[in-house]
Amino acid sequence: MAVGVRTEDLRKVYHSAPPMAAAGLIVRPQERKSKQPKPEIKALDGLSLEVKAGEIFGLLGPNGAGKSTTIGILTTRVRATGGHAWIGDHEVWQEQAKVKRLIGVVPQRPNLDFSLTAREILIFHAAYFGIAPKEGSKRADELLEKFKLTDRAAQLTRGFSGGMMQRLSIARAMMHDPEVLFLDEPSAGLDPQTRILLWEIIREYNRLGKTVVLTTHNMEEADALCQRLVIVDHGRIIAQGTPTELKRSIPG
């Protein structure tokens, strides 16, 4: 059964103090103790969206627009300052364990264990989700073949190129067959050939009835992959619709 995604009035404010000696200022001990108001960085400002079950949905926008923060909240890594988020019928922060079983996550930067081989990474991931060793081994081999990594299966990942790491990260996210796949800037830094391979794998996974949510600032990628998308800037949705609808709305 396909699973949708929804947020309601999602807000996130980050607090970060400036460096102690910013702009060459010398901060005295007594000044450090004084209660200065913390600066506020508003990453999300009332973002509400609905991703239909079984669609490829995109969050398009410039760097710093709030796309990665939205993904972080939906995948339980970031706690929202306000609002709500659901994966299917499960409220993200209240039912984290159930949500994690439904989702697969590919972060913006690969976070692979360099002390393991490509195949070991996939098998260990399967074990985290209670998949039997025989089934996990079978799935690992199938995904290594799909992502054209079979000849690198027994090699440590520290020697992999950026493109190979990205392919392996996506294969890992698919190991437990999640209902919702989150991809944060999936093709950033990839060569054209790898990007086309990645796009086809995403489409194929979606044809199985899976929901795919991706962030990008690449308009070509959003147009090629997404069935619907929202354009986000300064933590707010400024436009939404199908790629065709959004292109028609632009004069000229």
C-alpha atoms as a PDB file:
ATOM      1  CA  MET A   1       0.000   0.000   0.000  1.00  0.00           C
ATOM      2  CA  ALA A   2       1.436   3.358  -1.087  1.00  0.00           C
ATOM      3  CA  VAL A   3       2.177   5.911   1.620  1.00  0.00           C
ATOM      4  CA  GLY A   4       1.845   9.689   1.395  1.00  0.00           C
ATOM      5  CA  VAL A   5       3.586  12.527   3.215  1.00  0.00           C
ATOM      6  CA  ARG A   6       2.084  15.637   4.766  1.00  0.00           C
ATOM      7  CA  THR A   7       3.208  18.694   6.718  1.00  0.00           C
ATOM      8  CA  GLU A   8       1.095  21.348   8.389  1.00  0.00           C
ATOM      9  CA  ASP A   9       2.398  24.829   9.302  1.00  0.00           C
ATOM     10  CA  LEU A  10       5.926  23.467   9.707  1.00  0.00           C
ATOM     11  CA  ARG A  11       8.335  25.871  11.399  1.00  0.00           C
ATOM     12  CA  LYS A  12      11.986  25.628  12.328  1.00  0.00           C
ATOM     13  CA  VAL A  13      14.167  28.268  13.961  1.00  0.00           C
ATOM     14  CA  TYR A  14      17.877  27.666  14.518  1.00  0.00           C
ATOM     15  CA  HIS A  15      19.799  29.499  17.234  1.00  0.00           C
ATOM     16  CA  SER A  16      23.532  29.985  16.773  1.00  0.00           C
ATOM     17  CA  ALA A  17      25.770  32.400  18.648  1.00  0.00           C
ATOM     18  CA  PRO A  18      28.297  34.443  16.623  1.00  0.00           C
ATOM     19  CA  PRO A  19      32.023  33.585  16.946  1.00  0.00           C
ATOM     20  CA  MET A  20      33.672  34.939  20.088  1.00  0.00           C
ATOM     21  CA  ALA A  21      36.083  37.226  18.234  1.00  0.00           C
ATOM     22  CA  ALA A  22      34.038  37.946  15.130  1.00  0.00           C
ATOM     23  CA  ALA A  23      35.173  40.952  13.107  1.00  0.00           C
ATOM     24  CA  GLY A  24      38.288  41.238  15.265  1.00  0.00           C
ATOM     25  CA  LEU A  25      36.357  42.032  18.460  1.00  0.00           C
ATOM     26  CA  ILE A  26      37.875  40.966  21.768  1.00  0.00           C
ATOM     27  CA  VAL A  27      35.234  39.595  24.109  1.00  0.00           C
ATOM     28  CA  ARG A  28      36.051  40.010  27.813  1.00  0.00           C
ATOM     29  CA  PRO A  29      35.061  37.281  30.298  1.00  0.00           C
ATOM     30  CA  GLN A  30      32.406  39.458  31.967  1.00  0.00           C
ATOM     31  CA  GLU A  31      30.855  40.165  28.550  1.00  0.00           C
ATOM     32  CA  ARG A  32      30.670  36.469  27.755  1.00  0.00           C
ATOM     33  CA  LYS A  33      28.509  35.914  30.829  1.00  0.00           C
ATOM     34  CA  SER A  34      26.057  38.671  29.990  1.00  0.00           C
ATOM     35  CA  LYS A  35      22.777  37.376  28.622  1.00  0.00           C
ATOM     36  CA  GLN A  36      22.741  38.483  25.022  1.00  0.00           C
ATOM     37  CA  PRO A  37      19.700  37.479  22.952  1.00  0.00           C
ATOM     38  CA  LYS A  38      20.542  34.579  20.668  1.00  0.00           C
ATOM     39  CA  PRO A  39      20.222  35.250  16.956  1.00  0.00           C
ATOM     40  CA  GLU A  40      17.399  33.458  15.181  1.00  0.00           C
ATOM     41  CA  ILE A  41      17.721  31.827  11.784  1.00  0.00           C
ATOM     42  CA  LYS A  42      14.267  31.039  10.432  1.00  0.00           C
ATOM     43  CA  ALA A  43      14.685  27.974   8.190  1.00  0.00           C
ATOM     44  CA  LEU A  44      10.976  27.134   7.815  1.00  0.00           C
ATOM     45  CA  ASP A  45       8.150  29.632   8.141  1.00  0.00           C
ATOM     46  CA  GLY A  46       4.799  27.835   8.111  1.00  0.00           C
ATOM     47  CA  LEU A  47       5.421  25.280   5.364  1.00  0.00           C
ATOM     48  CA  SER A  48       2.409  23.082   4.529  1.00  0.00           C
ATOM     49  CA  LEU A  49       2.530  20.503   1.756  1.00  0.00           C
ATOM     50  CA  GLU A  50       0.927  17.223   0.765  1.00  0.00           C
ATOM     51  CA  VAL A  51       2.687  14.480  -1.180  1.00  0.00           C
ATOM     52  CA  LYS A  52       0.288  11.989  -2.718  1.00  0.00           C
ATOM     53  CA  ALA A  53       0.968   8.319  -2.220  1.00  0.00           C
ATOM     54  CA  GLY A  54       2.913   6.827  -5.109  1.00  0.00           C
ATOM     55  CA  GLU A  55       4.162  10.027  -6.747  1.00  0.00           C
ATOM     56  CA  ILE A  56       7.566  11.600  -7.350  1.00  0.00           C
ATOM     57  CA  PHE A  57       7.455  14.932  -5.550  1.00  0.00           C
ATOM     58  CA  GLY A  58      10.110  17.618  -5.655  1.00  0.00           C
ATOM     59  CA  LEU A  59      11.176  20.494  -3.433  1.00  0.00           C
ATOM     60  CA  LEU A  60      12.876  22.992  -5.724  1.00  0.00           C
ATOM     61  CA  GLY A  61      14.689  26.082  -4.545  1.00  0.00           C
ATOM     62  CA  PRO A  62      18.040  27.806  -4.003  1.00  0.00           C
ATOM     63  CA  ASN A  63      20.560  26.800  -1.362  1.00  0.00           C
ATOM     64  CA  GLY A  64      19.327  27.812   2.083  1.00  0.00           C
ATOM     65  CA  ALA A  65      15.654  27.803   1.064  1.00  0.00           C
ATOM     66  CA  GLY A  66      14.678  25.222   3.711  1.00  0.00           C
ATOM     67  CA  LYS A  67      14.581  22.088   1.557  1.00  0.00           C
ATOM     68  CA  SER A  68      17.068  20.023   3.571  1.00  0.00           C
ATOM     69  CA  THR A  69      15.500  21.138   6.862  1.00  0.00           C
ATOM     70  CA  THR A  70      12.126  19.885   5.605  1.00  0.00           C
ATOM     71  CA  ILE A  71      13.663  16.520   4.714  1.00  0.00           C
ATOM     72  CA  GLY A  72      15.439  16.435   8.090  1.00  0.00           C
ATOM     73  CA  ILE A  73      12.137  16.873   9.946  1.00  0.00           C
ATOM     74  CA  LEU A  74      10.290  14.307   7.830  1.00  0.00           C
ATOM     75  CA  THR A  75      13.055  11.741   8.414  1.00  0.00           C
ATOM     76  CA  THR A  76      13.198  12.289  12.231  1.00  0.00           C
ATOM     77  CA  ARG A  77      16.699  13.883  12.206  1.00  0.00           C
ATOM     78  CA  VAL A  78      15.519  17.411  12.999  1.00  0.00           C
ATOM     79  CA  ARG A  79      12.880  18.422  15.533  1.00  0.00           C
ATOM     80  CA  ALA A  80      10.520  21.106  14.299  1.00  0.00           C
ATOM     81  CA  THR A  81      10.030  24.286  16.312  1.00  0.00           C
ATOM     82  CA  GLY A  82       6.330  24.194  15.459  1.00  0.00           C
ATOM     83  CA  GLY A  83       3.766  22.479  13.245  1.00  0.00           C
ATOM     84  CA  HIS A  84       3.268  18.815  12.411  1.00  0.00           C
ATOM     85  CA  ALA A  85       4.512  16.235   9.915  1.00  0.00           C
ATOM     86  CA  TRP A  86       3.153  12.814   8.973  1.00  0.00           C
ATOM     87  CA  ILE A  87       4.403   9.798   7.052  1.00  0.00           C
ATOM     88  CA  GLY A  88       1.217   7.972   6.165  1.00  0.00           C
ATOM     89  CA  ASP A  89      -0.904   7.991   9.320  1.00  0.00           C
ATOM     90  CA  HIS A  90       2.102   8.305  11.639  1.00  0.00           C
ATOM     91  CA  GLU A  91       3.054  11.638  13.221  1.00  0.00           C
ATOM     92  CA  VAL A  92       6.794  11.876  12.711  1.00  0.00           C
ATOM     93  CA  TRP A  93       8.011  12.982  16.122  1.00  0.00           C
ATOM     94  CA  GLN A  94       5.488  10.937  18.122  1.00  0.00           C
ATOM     95  CA  GLU A  95       6.022   7.640  16.259  1.00  0.00           C
ATOM     96  CA  GLN A  96       9.642   7.735  15.175  1.00  0.00           C
ATOM     97  CA  ALA A  97      10.238   3.959  15.194  1.00  0.00           C
ATOM     98  CA  LYS A  98       7.240   3.276  12.947  1.00  0.00           C
ATOM     99  CA  VAL A  99       8.190   6.126  10.631  1.00  0.00           C
ATOM    100  CA  LYS A 100      11.777   4.884  10.243  1.00  0.00           C
ATOM    101  CA  ARG A 101      10.544   1.500   9.035  1.00  0.00           C
ATOM    102  CA  LEU A 102       8.566   3.189   6.269  1.00  0.00           C
ATOM    103  CA  ILE A 103      11.285   5.473   4.922  1.00  0.00           C
ATOM    104  CA  GLY A 104      14.622   5.283   3.149  1.00  0.00           C
ATOM    105  CA  VAL A 105      16.952   8.269   3.297  1.00  0.00           C
ATOM    106  CA  VAL A 106      19.771   9.392   1.021  1.00  0.00           C
ATOM    107  CA  PRO A 107      21.548  12.384   2.609  1.00  0.00           C
ATOM    108  CA  GLN A 108      23.047  15.255   0.664  1.00  0.00           C
ATOM    109  CA  ARG A 109      26.562  13.974   1.359  1.00  0.00           C
ATOM    110  CA  PRO A 110      27.388  10.243   1.444  1.00  0.00           C
ATOM    111  CA  ASN A 111      27.917   8.934   4.983  1.00  0.00           C
ATOM    112  CA  LEU A 112      29.241   5.475   4.214  1.00  0.00           C
ATOM    113  CA  ASP A 113      31.424   3.444   6.574  1.00  0.00           C
ATOM    114  CA  PHE A 114      34.850   3.460   4.911  1.00  0.00           C
ATOM    115  CA  SER A 115      35.969   0.410   6.891  1.00  0.00           C
ATOM    116  CA  LEU A 116      33.400  -1.818   5.158  1.00  0.00           C
ATOM    117  CA  THR A 117      33.056  -3.165   1.648  1.00  0.00           C
ATOM    118  CA  ALA A 118      30.119  -2.131  -0.534  1.00  0.00           C
ATOM    119  CA  ARG A 119      28.395  -5.474  -0.024  1.00  0.00           C
ATOM    120  CA  GLU A 120      28.924  -5.416   3.759  1.00  0.00           C
ATOM    121  CA  ILE A 121      27.332  -1.970   3.976  1.00  0.00           C
ATOM    122  CA  LEU A 122      24.165  -3.251   2.295  1.00  0.00           C
ATOM    123  CA  ILE A 123      24.007  -6.464   4.337  1.00  0.00           C
ATOM    124  CA  PHE A 124      24.511  -4.621   7.640  1.00  0.00           C
ATOM    125  CA  HIS A 125      21.748  -2.183   6.712  1.00  0.00           C
ATOM    126  CA  ALA A 126      19.398  -5.087   6.025  1.00  0.00           C
ATOM    127  CA  ALA A 127      20.213  -6.558   9.437  1.00  0.00           C
ATOM    128  CA  TYR A 128      19.218  -3.294  11.155  1.00  0.00           C
ATOM    129  CA  PHE A 129      15.711  -3.834   9.788  1.00  0.00           C
ATOM    130  CA  GLY A 130      15.473  -7.492  10.827  1.00  0.00           C
ATOM    131  CA  ILE A 131      15.935  -8.917   7.329  1.00  0.00           C
ATOM    132  CA  ALA A 132      17.200 -12.517   7.412  1.00  0.00           C
ATOM    133  CA  PRO A 133      20.832 -13.008   6.275  1.00  0.00           C
ATOM    134  CA  LYS A 134      19.895 -15.081   3.217  1.00  0.00           C
ATOM    135  CA  GLU A 135      17.328 -12.523   2.029  1.00  0.00           C
ATOM    136  CA  GLY A 136      19.674  -9.633   2.821  1.00  0.00           C
ATOM    137  CA  SER A 137      22.466 -11.208   0.790  1.00  0.00           C
ATOM    138  CA  LYS A 138      20.120 -11.739  -2.158  1.00  0.00           C
ATOM    139  CA  ARG A 139      18.873  -8.135  -2.071  1.00  0.00           C
ATOM    140  CA  ALA A 140      22.423  -6.809  -1.789  1.00  0.00           C
ATOM    141  CA  ASP A 141      23.512  -8.675  -4.921  1.00  0.00           C
ATOM    142  CA  GLU A 142      20.440  -7.486  -6.853  1.00  0.00           C
ATOM    143  CA  LEU A 143      21.019  -3.844  -5.927  1.00  0.00           C
ATOM    144  CA  LEU A 144      24.744  -3.986  -6.628  1.00  0.00           C
ATOM    145  CA  GLU A 145      23.878  -5.260 -10.099  1.00  0.00           C
ATOM    146  CA  LYS A 146      21.201  -2.603 -10.620  1.00  0.00           C
ATOM    147  CA  PHE A 147      23.558   0.207  -9.641  1.00  0.00           C
ATOM    148  CA  LYS A 148      26.436  -1.261 -11.675  1.00  0.00           C
ATOM    149  CA  LEU A 149      28.611  -1.886  -8.628  1.00  0.00           C
ATOM    150  CA  THR A 150      28.968  -5.672  -8.785  1.00  0.00           C
ATOM    151  CA  ASP A 151      32.655  -5.493  -9.731  1.00  0.00           C
ATOM    152  CA  ARG A 152      33.274  -3.267  -6.681  1.00  0.00           C
ATOM    153  CA  ALA A 153      31.214  -5.315  -4.208  1.00  0.00           C
ATOM    154  CA  ALA A 154      34.230  -6.660  -2.277  1.00  0.00           C
ATOM    155  CA  GLN A 155      36.166  -3.373  -2.210  1.00  0.00           C
ATOM    156  CA  LEU A 156      36.363  -0.890   0.655  1.00  0.00           C
ATOM    157  CA  THR A 157      34.343   2.242  -0.066  1.00  0.00           C
ATOM    158  CA  ARG A 158      37.166   4.665   0.832  1.00  0.00           C
ATOM    159  CA  GLY A 159      38.466   4.251  -2.700  1.00  0.00           C
ATOM    160  CA  PHE A 160      35.127   4.940  -4.392  1.00  0.00           C
ATOM    161  CA  SER A 161      34.488   7.978  -6.553  1.00  0.00           C
ATOM    162  CA  GLY A 162      31.764  10.454  -5.578  1.00  0.00           C
ATOM    163  CA  GLY A 163      29.387   8.953  -8.123  1.00  0.00           C
ATOM    164  CA  MET A 164      29.918   5.410  -6.845  1.00  0.00           C
ATOM    165  CA  MET A 165      29.378   6.533  -3.260  1.00  0.00           C
ATOM    166  CA  GLN A 166      26.122   8.198  -4.250  1.00  0.00           C
ATOM    167  CA  ARG A 167      24.909   5.080  -6.077  1.00  0.00           C
ATOM    168  CA  LEU A 168      25.777   2.913  -3.083  1.00  0.00           C
ATOM    169  CA  SER A 169      24.000   5.340  -0.718  1.00  0.00           C
ATOM    170  CA  ILE A 170      20.804   5.018  -2.741  1.00  0.00           C
ATOM    171  CA  ALA A 171      21.162   1.227  -2.920  1.00  0.00           C
ATOM    172  CA  ARG A 172      21.530   1.160   0.872  1.00  0.00           C
ATOM    173  CA  ALA A 173      18.383   3.256   1.309  1.00  0.00           C
ATOM    174  CA  MET A 174      16.454   0.777  -0.852  1.00  0.00           C
ATOM    175  CA  MET A 175      17.674  -2.346   0.978  1.00  0.00           C
ATOM    176  CA  HIS A 176      14.665  -2.603   3.313  1.00  0.00           C
ATOM    177  CA  ASP A 177      12.223  -1.729   0.492  1.00  0.00           C
ATOM    178  CA  PRO A 178      10.871   1.511   2.055  1.00  0.00           C
ATOM    179  CA  GLU A 179       7.472   2.896   1.077  1.00  0.00           C
ATOM    180  CA  VAL A 180       8.827   6.464   0.946  1.00  0.00           C
ATOM    181  CA  LEU A 181      12.279   7.267  -0.434  1.00  0.00           C
ATOM    182  CA  PHE A 182      13.815  10.648   0.477  1.00  0.00           C
ATOM    183  CA  LEU A 183      16.622  11.953  -1.718  1.00  0.00           C
ATOM    184  CA  ASP A 184      18.411  15.164  -0.734  1.00  0.00           C
ATOM    185  CA  GLU A 185      20.124  16.652  -3.817  1.00  0.00           C
ATOM    186  CA  PRO A 186      20.578  13.155  -5.329  1.00  0.00           C
ATOM    187  CA  SER A 187      22.479  14.136  -8.469  1.00  0.00           C
ATOM    188  CA  ALA A 188      24.694  16.907  -7.066  1.00  0.00           C
ATOM    189  CA  GLY A 189      28.191  16.537  -8.477  1.00  0.00           C
ATOM    190  CA  LEU A 190      27.376  13.537 -10.675  1.00  0.00           C
ATOM    191  CA  ASP A 191      28.507  13.170 -14.262  1.00  0.00           C
ATOM    192  CA  PRO A 192      25.760  13.144 -16.946  1.00  0.00           C
ATOM    193  CA  GLN A 193      25.913   9.369 -17.499  1.00  0.00           C
ATOM    194  CA  THR A 194      25.535   8.569 -13.785  1.00  0.00           C
ATOM    195  CA  ARG A 195      22.756  11.152 -13.477  1.00  0.00           C
ATOM    196  CA  ILE A 196      20.732   9.503 -16.262  1.00  0.00           C
ATOM    197  CA  LEU A 197      21.220   6.068 -14.625  1.00  0.00           C
ATOM    198  CA  LEU A 198      20.066   7.485 -11.303  1.00  0.00           C
ATOM    199  CA  TRP A 199      16.970   9.089 -12.823  1.00  0.00           C
ATOM    200  CA  GLU A 200      15.931   5.816 -14.453  1.00  0.00           C
ATOM    201  CA  ILE A 201      16.358   3.883 -11.185  1.00  0.00           C
ATOM    202  CA  ILE A 202      14.203   6.454  -9.365  1.00  0.00           C
ATOM    203  CA  ARG A 203      11.486   6.157 -12.032  1.00  0.00           C
ATOM    204  CA  GLU A 204      11.635   2.365 -11.845  1.00  0.00           C
ATOM    205  CA  TYR A 205      11.288   2.416  -8.061  1.00  0.00           C
ATOM    206  CA  ASN A 206       8.325   4.767  -8.350  1.00  0.00           C
ATOM    207  CA  ARG A 207       6.651   2.387 -10.847  1.00  0.00           C
ATOM    208  CA  LEU A 208       6.564  -0.177  -8.030  1.00  0.00           C
ATOM    209  CA  GLY A 209       4.085   2.121  -6.263  1.00  0.00           C
ATOM    210  CA  LYS A 210       6.648   3.797  -4.014  1.00  0.00           C
ATOM    211  CA  THR A 211       6.549   7.458  -3.039  1.00  0.00           C
ATOM    212  CA  VAL A 212       9.688   9.474  -3.820  1.00  0.00           C
ATOM    213  CA  VAL A 213      10.474  12.887  -2.328  1.00  0.00           C
ATOM    214  CA  LEU A 214      13.560  14.705  -3.569  1.00  0.00           C
ATOM    215  CA  THR A 215      15.138  18.112  -3.111  1.00  0.00           C
ATOM    216  CA  THR A 216      17.004  19.864  -5.879  1.00  0.00           C
ATOM    217  CA  HIS A 217      17.993  23.272  -7.181  1.00  0.00           C
ATOM    218  CA  ASN A 218      18.374  21.809 -10.670  1.00  0.00           C
ATOM    219  CA  MET A 219      15.337  22.797 -12.751  1.00  0.00           C
ATOM    220  CA  GLU A 220      16.205  20.221 -15.425  1.00  0.00           C
ATOM    221  CA  GLU A 221      16.136  17.434 -12.827  1.00  0.00           C
ATOM    222  CA  ALA A 222      12.824  18.638 -11.381  1.00  0.00           C
ATOM    223  CA  ASP A 223      11.289  18.804 -14.865  1.00  0.00           C
ATOM    224  CA  ALA A 224      12.574  15.361 -15.856  1.00  0.00           C
ATOM    225  CA  LEU A 225      11.600  13.482 -12.695  1.00  0.00           C
ATOM    226  CA  CYS A 226       8.863  15.158 -10.678  1.00  0.00           C
ATOM    227  CA  GLN A 227       5.150  14.667 -11.245  1.00  0.00           C
ATOM    228  CA  ARG A 228       4.475  17.584  -8.904  1.00  0.00           C
ATOM    229  CA  LEU A 229       6.711  20.010  -7.081  1.00  0.00           C
ATOM    230  CA  VAL A 230       6.830  23.056  -4.861  1.00  0.00           C
ATOM    231  CA  ILE A 231       9.235  25.963  -5.168  1.00  0.00           C
ATOM    232  CA  VAL A 232      10.531  26.960  -1.733  1.00  0.00           C
ATOM    233  CA  ASP A 233      12.341  30.135  -0.730  1.00  0.00           C
ATOM    234  CA  HIS A 234      13.069  31.547   2.731  1.00  0.00           C
ATOM    235  CA  GLY A 235      11.185  28.650   4.314  1.00  0.00           C
ATOM    236  CA  ARG A 236       7.923  29.313   2.456  1.00  0.00           C
ATOM    237  CA  ILE A 237       6.214  27.781  -0.562  1.00  0.00           C
ATOM    238  CA  ILE A 238       6.034  30.397  -3.291  1.00  0.00           C
ATOM    239  CA  ALA A 239       4.632  28.199  -6.089  1.00  0.00           C
ATOM    240  CA  GLN A 240       3.401  24.649  -6.606  1.00  0.00           C
ATOM    241  CA  GLY A 241       2.012  22.423  -9.337  1.00  0.00           C
ATOM    242  CA  THR A 242       3.187  20.132 -12.111  1.00  0.00           C
ATOM    243  CA  PRO A 243       6.339  21.101 -14.021  1.00  0.00           C
ATOM    244  CA  THR A 244       4.177  21.969 -17.050  1.00  0.00           C
ATOM    245  CA  GLU A 245       1.866  24.193 -14.993  1.00  0.00           C
ATOM    246  CA  LEU A 246       4.790  26.050 -13.458  1.00  0.00           C
ATOM    247  CA  LYS A 247       6.496  26.600 -16.801  1.00  0.00           C
ATOM    248  CA  ARG A 248       3.257  27.975 -18.289  1.00  0.00           C
ATOM    249  CA  SER A 249       2.914  30.417 -15.414  1.00  0.00           C
ATOM    250  CA  ILE A 250       6.188  32.151 -16.307  1.00  0.00           C
ATOM    251  CA  PRO A 251       5.774  34.971 -18.854  1.00  0.00           C
ATOM    252  CA  GLY A 252       7.806  34.366 -22.015  1.00  0.00           C
END
